[in-house]
Amino acid sequence: MATLVRDQESGKMYIEDIWEFDDFVAVAEGAEMIFTEAHIEKAMERVVNNYNDSSEYGITFVTVENAIWDVITEGSE
């Protein structure tokens, strides 16, 4: 997920941390959650919207798992 990248123009390096839809699916499957594509999309939106609140720690598997779980359980209330 994290990739070391060198900017071709400036030569400066940076770390790019990309979480794809399939990464969220893998986290949900690893936690044996029953989910839909809509759950994953909403969880991705939630992580992005709450990123400033957790930016000290970055986006982790726990962040993703909690977002998916929250979205799934909100629908069951």
N, C-alpha and C. Protein backbone atom coordinates (compact mmCIF):
# COMPACT_ATOMS: atom_id res chain seq x y z
N MET A 1 0.81 -1.19 0.00
CA MET A 1 0.00 0.00 0.00
C MET A 1 0.86 1.25 0.00
N ALA A 2 1.89 1.27 0.78
CA ALA A 2 2.77 2.44 0.77
C ALA A 2 3.85 2.22 -0.27
N THR A 3 4.12 3.28 -1.02
CA THR A 3 5.11 3.21 -2.09
C THR A 3 6.03 4.41 -1.99
N LEU A 4 7.31 4.16 -2.13
CA LEU A 4 8.28 5.24 -2.16
C LEU A 4 8.35 5.76 -3.59
N VAL A 5 8.14 7.07 -3.75
CA VAL A 5 8.07 7.68 -5.08
C VAL A 5 9.06 8.83 -5.16
N ARG A 6 9.69 8.96 -6.32
CA ARG A 6 10.57 10.11 -6.56
C ARG A 6 9.90 10.97 -7.62
N ASP A 7 9.65 12.24 -7.29
CA ASP A 7 9.06 13.18 -8.24
C ASP A 7 10.05 13.39 -9.38
N GLN A 8 9.59 13.19 -10.61
CA GLN A 8 10.48 13.28 -11.76
C GLN A 8 10.99 14.69 -12.03
N GLU A 9 10.19 15.68 -11.70
CA GLU A 9 10.62 17.07 -11.95
C GLU A 9 11.59 17.58 -10.89
N SER A 10 11.21 17.41 -9.62
CA SER A 10 12.02 17.97 -8.54
C SER A 10 13.08 17.00 -8.03
N GLY A 11 12.87 15.72 -8.25
CA GLY A 11 13.80 14.72 -7.72
C GLY A 11 13.54 14.38 -6.27
N LYS A 12 12.59 15.08 -5.64
CA LYS A 12 12.29 14.83 -4.23
C LYS A 12 11.51 13.52 -4.08
N MET A 13 11.75 12.89 -2.94
CA MET A 13 11.06 11.63 -2.66
C MET A 13 9.91 11.87 -1.70
N TYR A 14 8.88 11.05 -1.83
CA TYR A 14 7.76 11.08 -0.90
C TYR A 14 7.15 9.68 -0.82
N ILE A 15 6.36 9.48 0.21
CA ILE A 15 5.67 8.20 0.39
C ILE A 15 4.22 8.39 0.02
N GLU A 16 3.76 7.52 -0.85
CA GLU A 16 2.36 7.54 -1.29
C GLU A 16 1.67 6.33 -0.66
N ASP A 17 0.62 6.58 0.08
CA ASP A 17 -0.11 5.51 0.76
C ASP A 17 -1.50 5.41 0.15
N ILE A 18 -1.70 4.40 -0.67
CA ILE A 18 -2.96 4.26 -1.40
C ILE A 18 -3.74 3.08 -0.86
N TRP A 19 -4.99 3.34 -0.50
CA TRP A 19 -5.91 2.29 -0.08
C TRP A 19 -6.96 2.15 -1.17
N GLU A 20 -6.99 1.02 -1.81
CA GLU A 20 -7.94 0.76 -2.88
C GLU A 20 -9.16 0.02 -2.35
N PHE A 21 -10.21 0.00 -3.16
CA PHE A 21 -11.44 -0.70 -2.82
C PHE A 21 -11.13 -2.13 -2.39
N ASP A 22 -10.29 -2.82 -3.17
CA ASP A 22 -9.96 -4.22 -2.87
C ASP A 22 -9.22 -4.38 -1.54
N ASP A 23 -8.49 -3.34 -1.13
CA ASP A 23 -7.82 -3.39 0.18
C ASP A 23 -8.86 -3.39 1.29
N PHE A 24 -9.90 -2.56 1.13
CA PHE A 24 -10.97 -2.52 2.12
C PHE A 24 -11.71 -3.86 2.15
N VAL A 25 -11.95 -4.44 0.99
CA VAL A 25 -12.60 -5.75 0.92
C VAL A 25 -11.75 -6.79 1.64
N ALA A 26 -10.45 -6.77 1.43
CA ALA A 26 -9.56 -7.74 2.09
C ALA A 26 -9.62 -7.60 3.61
N VAL A 27 -9.67 -6.37 4.10
CA VAL A 27 -9.77 -6.14 5.54
C VAL A 27 -11.08 -6.71 6.07
N ALA A 28 -12.18 -6.43 5.37
CA ALA A 28 -13.50 -6.92 5.79
C ALA A 28 -13.55 -8.44 5.78
N GLU A 29 -13.00 -9.04 4.73
CA GLU A 29 -12.98 -10.51 4.64
C GLU A 29 -12.09 -11.10 5.74
N GLY A 30 -10.97 -10.47 6.02
CA GLY A 30 -10.08 -10.95 7.06
C GLY A 30 -10.73 -10.92 8.43
N ALA A 31 -11.63 -9.97 8.62
CA ALA A 31 -12.35 -9.85 9.89
C ALA A 31 -13.67 -10.64 9.86
N GLU A 32 -13.87 -11.38 8.76
CA GLU A 32 -15.05 -12.22 8.58
C GLU A 32 -16.35 -11.44 8.71
N MET A 33 -16.37 -10.24 8.13
CA MET A 33 -17.57 -9.41 8.12
C MET A 33 -18.43 -9.75 6.91
N ILE A 34 -19.72 -9.61 7.08
CA ILE A 34 -20.65 -9.75 5.95
C ILE A 34 -20.95 -8.32 5.49
N PHE A 35 -20.62 -8.04 4.23
CA PHE A 35 -20.68 -6.67 3.74
C PHE A 35 -21.13 -6.62 2.29
N THR A 36 -21.48 -5.42 1.85
CA THR A 36 -21.83 -5.17 0.46
C THR A 36 -20.84 -4.17 -0.13
N GLU A 37 -20.91 -3.98 -1.43
CA GLU A 37 -20.08 -2.95 -2.06
C GLU A 37 -20.42 -1.58 -1.49
N ALA A 38 -21.70 -1.35 -1.21
CA ALA A 38 -22.13 -0.06 -0.65
C ALA A 38 -21.48 0.17 0.72
N HIS A 39 -21.37 -0.88 1.53
CA HIS A 39 -20.71 -0.75 2.83
C HIS A 39 -19.26 -0.30 2.64
N ILE A 40 -18.58 -0.92 1.69
CA ILE A 40 -17.17 -0.60 1.46
C ILE A 40 -17.03 0.84 0.99
N GLU A 41 -17.89 1.25 0.06
CA GLU A 41 -17.83 2.63 -0.44
C GLU A 41 -18.08 3.64 0.67
N LYS A 42 -19.07 3.36 1.52
CA LYS A 42 -19.36 4.27 2.64
C LYS A 42 -18.21 4.29 3.64
N ALA A 43 -17.60 3.14 3.87
CA ALA A 43 -16.47 3.08 4.79
C ALA A 43 -15.28 3.88 4.24
N MET A 44 -15.07 3.79 2.94
CA MET A 44 -13.99 4.57 2.32
C MET A 44 -14.26 6.07 2.49
N GLU A 45 -15.50 6.47 2.28
CA GLU A 45 -15.87 7.88 2.47
C GLU A 45 -15.65 8.30 3.92
N ARG A 46 -16.02 7.43 4.84
CA ARG A 46 -15.87 7.73 6.26
C ARG A 46 -14.39 7.93 6.62
N VAL A 47 -13.53 7.07 6.13
CA VAL A 47 -12.10 7.19 6.42
C VAL A 47 -11.56 8.51 5.88
N VAL A 48 -11.95 8.87 4.67
CA VAL A 48 -11.48 10.14 4.09
C VAL A 48 -12.01 11.32 4.89
N ASN A 49 -13.29 11.29 5.24
CA ASN A 49 -13.90 12.40 5.96
C ASN A 49 -13.33 12.57 7.37
N ASN A 50 -12.89 11.46 7.97
CA ASN A 50 -12.36 11.51 9.33
C ASN A 50 -10.84 11.52 9.37
N TYR A 51 -10.20 11.63 8.22
CA TYR A 51 -8.74 11.52 8.17
C TYR A 51 -8.05 12.56 9.04
N ASN A 52 -8.52 13.78 9.05
CA ASN A 52 -7.88 14.82 9.86
C ASN A 52 -7.90 14.49 11.34
N ASP A 53 -8.92 13.75 11.77
CA ASP A 53 -9.02 13.35 13.18
C ASP A 53 -7.98 12.29 13.54
N SER A 54 -7.56 11.50 12.56
CA SER A 54 -6.63 10.40 12.86
C SER A 54 -5.31 10.54 12.11
N SER A 55 -5.05 11.71 11.57
CA SER A 55 -3.86 11.86 10.73
C SER A 55 -2.55 11.67 11.50
N GLU A 56 -2.60 11.77 12.82
CA GLU A 56 -1.38 11.53 13.60
C GLU A 56 -0.91 10.09 13.44
N TYR A 57 -1.84 9.18 13.24
CA TYR A 57 -1.52 7.77 13.12
C TYR A 57 -1.62 7.25 11.69
N GLY A 58 -2.14 8.04 10.78
CA GLY A 58 -2.33 7.60 9.41
C GLY A 58 -3.53 6.68 9.28
N ILE A 59 -3.66 6.10 8.12
CA ILE A 59 -4.74 5.15 7.87
C ILE A 59 -4.16 3.76 8.08
N THR A 60 -4.73 3.03 9.02
CA THR A 60 -4.22 1.70 9.37
C THR A 60 -5.31 0.66 9.11
N PHE A 61 -4.92 -0.61 9.24
CA PHE A 61 -5.91 -1.67 9.11
C PHE A 61 -7.01 -1.51 10.15
N VAL A 62 -6.64 -1.08 11.34
CA VAL A 62 -7.63 -0.87 12.40
C VAL A 62 -8.59 0.25 12.02
N THR A 63 -8.06 1.34 11.45
CA THR A 63 -8.90 2.44 10.99
C THR A 63 -9.92 1.94 9.97
N VAL A 64 -9.45 1.16 9.02
CA VAL A 64 -10.31 0.64 7.95
C VAL A 64 -11.32 -0.33 8.52
N GLU A 65 -10.87 -1.26 9.35
CA GLU A 65 -11.78 -2.24 9.94
C GLU A 65 -12.87 -1.56 10.76
N ASN A 66 -12.50 -0.58 11.58
CA ASN A 66 -13.49 0.13 12.39
C ASN A 66 -14.50 0.87 11.52
N ALA A 67 -14.04 1.49 10.45
CA ALA A 67 -14.95 2.22 9.56
C ALA A 67 -15.95 1.26 8.91
N ILE A 68 -15.46 0.12 8.44
CA ILE A 68 -16.37 -0.86 7.83
C ILE A 68 -17.37 -1.36 8.85
N TRP A 69 -16.89 -1.72 10.04
CA TRP A 69 -17.77 -2.22 11.09
C TRP A 69 -18.85 -1.19 11.46
N ASP A 70 -18.43 0.06 11.59
CA ASP A 70 -19.38 1.13 11.93
C ASP A 70 -20.46 1.26 10.87
N VAL A 71 -20.07 1.21 9.61
CA VAL A 71 -21.04 1.34 8.51
C VAL A 71 -22.00 0.15 8.52
N ILE A 72 -21.47 -1.05 8.69
CA ILE A 72 -22.32 -2.25 8.69
C ILE A 72 -23.30 -2.22 9.86
N THR A 73 -22.83 -1.88 11.05
CA THR A 73 -23.70 -1.92 12.23
C THR A 73 -24.70 -0.77 12.25
N GLU A 74 -24.36 0.35 11.64
CA GLU A 74 -25.33 1.45 11.57
C GLU A 74 -26.55 1.05 10.77
N GLY A 75 -26.37 0.21 9.77
CA GLY A 75 -27.48 -0.23 8.93
C GLY A 75 -28.37 -1.23 9.61
N SER A 76 -27.91 -1.82 10.71
CA SER A 76 -28.70 -2.88 11.37
C SER A 76 -29.48 -2.37 12.56
N GLU A 77 -29.40 -1.08 12.82
CA GLU A 77 -30.11 -0.54 14.00
C GLU A 77 -31.53 -0.17 13.66
